Amino acid sequence: IKKYEAISKFPSVERDLAFLVSKDNSVQDISKEIQKVAGSLLKEVYVFDRYQSDKLPEGYESIAFRMILQHMDKTLEDTELKDLQDKILKSLEKKFKIQIR
């Protein structure tokens, strides 16, 4: 059985977030937390850059995530996107002790 989902007539928005992350943390766990916090507004999240260097603190790497967000009933406003980004950052900082880059 195939499931079909309605297509929104409102534009999607891309947001990129780069974090300094302990190598002990799983990219999948971080992605799941982003999905949990963003809820139905999040259409897709994926890693688009991963950087390791001796210039970063030992045991850490930089991981950049791209989020594609879209509301089914309206255009997302900058204030809504900022609030959502703040919620995501607070949750990730609390759960994974990550820092935004």
C-alpha atoms as a PDB file:
ATOM      1  CA  ILE A   1       0.000   0.000   0.000  1.00  0.00           C
ATOM      2  CA  LYS A   2       1.415   3.350  -1.008  1.00  0.00           C
ATOM      3  CA  LYS A   3       0.779   6.416   1.085  1.00  0.00           C
ATOM      4  CA  TYR A   4       0.495   9.783  -0.536  1.00  0.00           C
ATOM      5  CA  GLU A   5       1.003  13.062   1.253  1.00  0.00           C
ATOM      6  CA  ALA A   6      -0.444  16.372   0.162  1.00  0.00           C
ATOM      7  CA  ILE A   7       2.003  18.847  -1.303  1.00  0.00           C
ATOM      8  CA  SER A   8       2.150  22.247   0.330  1.00  0.00           C
ATOM      9  CA  LYS A   9       1.609  25.261  -1.877  1.00  0.00           C
ATOM     10  CA  PHE A  10       3.846  27.249   0.486  1.00  0.00           C
ATOM     11  CA  PRO A  11       7.622  27.461   0.053  1.00  0.00           C
ATOM     12  CA  SER A  12      10.086  25.337   1.959  1.00  0.00           C
ATOM     13  CA  VAL A  13      12.976  26.947   3.831  1.00  0.00           C
ATOM     14  CA  GLU A  14      16.496  25.610   4.293  1.00  0.00           C
ATOM     15  CA  ARG A  15      18.467  26.258   7.472  1.00  0.00           C
ATOM     16  CA  ASP A  16      22.027  25.109   8.121  1.00  0.00           C
ATOM     17  CA  LEU A  17      23.444  24.551  11.591  1.00  0.00           C
ATOM     18  CA  ALA A  18      27.062  23.608  12.307  1.00  0.00           C
ATOM     19  CA  PHE A  19      28.039  22.184  15.666  1.00  0.00           C
ATOM     20  CA  LEU A  20      31.154  21.281  17.580  1.00  0.00           C
ATOM     21  CA  VAL A  21      30.303  17.744  18.639  1.00  0.00           C
ATOM     22  CA  SER A  22      32.053  15.145  20.763  1.00  0.00           C
ATOM     23  CA  LYS A  23      32.971  12.119  18.679  1.00  0.00           C
ATOM     24  CA  ASP A  24      31.117  10.067  21.317  1.00  0.00           C
ATOM     25  CA  ASN A  25      27.803  11.421  20.004  1.00  0.00           C
ATOM     26  CA  SER A  26      25.953   9.691  17.192  1.00  0.00           C
ATOM     27  CA  VAL A  27      24.880  11.691  14.129  1.00  0.00           C
ATOM     28  CA  GLN A  28      21.706   9.584  14.063  1.00  0.00           C
ATOM     29  CA  ASP A  29      20.859  10.519  17.652  1.00  0.00           C
ATOM     30  CA  ILE A  30      21.390  14.207  16.925  1.00  0.00           C
ATOM     31  CA  SER A  31      19.228  13.957  13.773  1.00  0.00           C
ATOM     32  CA  LYS A  32      16.474  12.209  15.733  1.00  0.00           C
ATOM     33  CA  GLU A  33      16.506  14.961  18.356  1.00  0.00           C
ATOM     34  CA  ILE A  34      16.237  17.627  15.642  1.00  0.00           C
ATOM     35  CA  GLN A  35      13.272  15.715  14.175  1.00  0.00           C
ATOM     36  CA  LYS A  36      11.641  15.398  17.584  1.00  0.00           C
ATOM     37  CA  VAL A  37      11.907  19.111  18.372  1.00  0.00           C
ATOM     38  CA  ALA A  38      10.978  20.387  14.879  1.00  0.00           C
ATOM     39  CA  GLY A  39       8.049  18.016  14.521  1.00  0.00           C
ATOM     40  CA  SER A  40       5.886  18.170  11.413  1.00  0.00           C
ATOM     41  CA  LEU A  41       7.598  21.325  10.120  1.00  0.00           C
ATOM     42  CA  LEU A  42      10.742  19.344   9.382  1.00  0.00           C
ATOM     43  CA  LYS A  43      10.585  17.711   5.976  1.00  0.00           C
ATOM     44  CA  GLU A  44      14.208  16.557   5.857  1.00  0.00           C
ATOM     45  CA  VAL A  45      17.426  16.740   7.881  1.00  0.00           C
ATOM     46  CA  TYR A  46      20.831  15.524   6.754  1.00  0.00           C
ATOM     47  CA  VAL A  47      24.542  16.043   7.301  1.00  0.00           C
ATOM     48  CA  PHE A  48      26.159  18.037   4.520  1.00  0.00           C
ATOM     49  CA  ASP A  49      29.584  18.631   6.055  1.00  0.00           C
ATOM     50  CA  ARG A  50      31.817  16.866   8.520  1.00  0.00           C
ATOM     51  CA  TYR A  51      35.153  18.371   9.490  1.00  0.00           C
ATOM     52  CA  GLN A  52      37.937  16.948  11.629  1.00  0.00           C
ATOM     53  CA  SER A  53      41.123  18.848  12.365  1.00  0.00           C
ATOM     54  CA  ASP A  54      43.869  19.189  14.921  1.00  0.00           C
ATOM     55  CA  LYS A  55      42.637  22.808  15.241  1.00  0.00           C
ATOM     56  CA  LEU A  56      39.471  21.538  16.946  1.00  0.00           C
ATOM     57  CA  PRO A  57      39.535  20.379  20.567  1.00  0.00           C
ATOM     58  CA  GLU A  58      40.672  16.771  20.921  1.00  0.00           C
ATOM     59  CA  GLY A  59      37.818  14.307  20.644  1.00  0.00           C
ATOM     60  CA  TYR A  60      35.589  16.777  18.773  1.00  0.00           C
ATOM     61  CA  GLU A  61      34.526  17.311  15.184  1.00  0.00           C
ATOM     62  CA  SER A  62      32.414  19.848  13.337  1.00  0.00           C
ATOM     63  CA  ILE A  63      29.179  18.496  11.883  1.00  0.00           C
ATOM     64  CA  ALA A  64      26.847  20.633   9.764  1.00  0.00           C
ATOM     65  CA  PHE A  65      23.190  19.718   9.327  1.00  0.00           C
ATOM     66  CA  ARG A  66      20.806  21.038   6.692  1.00  0.00           C
ATOM     67  CA  MET A  67      17.147  21.231   7.680  1.00  0.00           C
ATOM     68  CA  ILE A  68      14.339  21.645   5.181  1.00  0.00           C
ATOM     69  CA  LEU A  69      11.291  23.129   6.873  1.00  0.00           C
ATOM     70  CA  GLN A  70       7.818  23.729   5.507  1.00  0.00           C
ATOM     71  CA  HIS A  71       4.357  24.447   6.850  1.00  0.00           C
ATOM     72  CA  MET A  72       1.364  22.982   5.036  1.00  0.00           C
ATOM     73  CA  ASP A  73      -0.934  25.955   5.647  1.00  0.00           C
ATOM     74  CA  LYS A  74       1.216  29.083   5.536  1.00  0.00           C
ATOM     75  CA  THR A  75       4.580  30.605   4.768  1.00  0.00           C
ATOM     76  CA  LEU A  76       6.969  30.289   7.682  1.00  0.00           C
ATOM     77  CA  GLU A  77       8.007  33.660   9.072  1.00  0.00           C
ATOM     78  CA  ASP A  78      11.486  34.603  10.227  1.00  0.00           C
ATOM     79  CA  THR A  79      10.379  34.858  13.866  1.00  0.00           C
ATOM     80  CA  GLU A  80       8.897  31.337  13.759  1.00  0.00           C
ATOM     81  CA  LEU A  81      12.082  29.966  12.222  1.00  0.00           C
ATOM     82  CA  LYS A  82      14.256  31.748  14.803  1.00  0.00           C
ATOM     83  CA  ASP A  83      12.125  30.400  17.672  1.00  0.00           C
ATOM     84  CA  LEU A  84      12.303  26.872  16.285  1.00  0.00           C
ATOM     85  CA  GLN A  85      16.058  27.112  15.766  1.00  0.00           C
ATOM     86  CA  ASP A  86      16.480  28.324  19.373  1.00  0.00           C
ATOM     87  CA  LYS A  87      14.427  25.368  20.663  1.00  0.00           C
ATOM     88  CA  ILE A  88      16.521  22.934  18.630  1.00  0.00           C
ATOM     89  CA  LEU A  89      19.774  24.472  19.879  1.00  0.00           C
ATOM     90  CA  LYS A  90      18.678  24.408  23.536  1.00  0.00           C
ATOM     91  CA  SER A  91      17.602  20.792  23.272  1.00  0.00           C
ATOM     92  CA  LEU A  92      20.843  19.695  21.577  1.00  0.00           C
ATOM     93  CA  GLU A  93      23.006  21.641  24.024  1.00  0.00           C
ATOM     94  CA  LYS A  94      21.202  20.043  26.960  1.00  0.00           C
ATOM     95  CA  LYS A  95      21.120  16.495  25.621  1.00  0.00           C
ATOM     96  CA  PHE A  96      24.472  16.290  23.806  1.00  0.00           C
ATOM     97  CA  LYS A  97      26.516  19.158  25.274  1.00  0.00           C
ATOM     98  CA  ILE A  98      27.232  20.463  21.785  1.00  0.00           C
ATOM     99  CA  GLN A  99      28.243  23.974  20.804  1.00  0.00           C
ATOM    100  CA  ILE A 100      27.115  25.890  17.771  1.00  0.00           C
ATOM    101  CA  ARG A 101      29.935  26.931  15.432  1.00  0.00           C
END
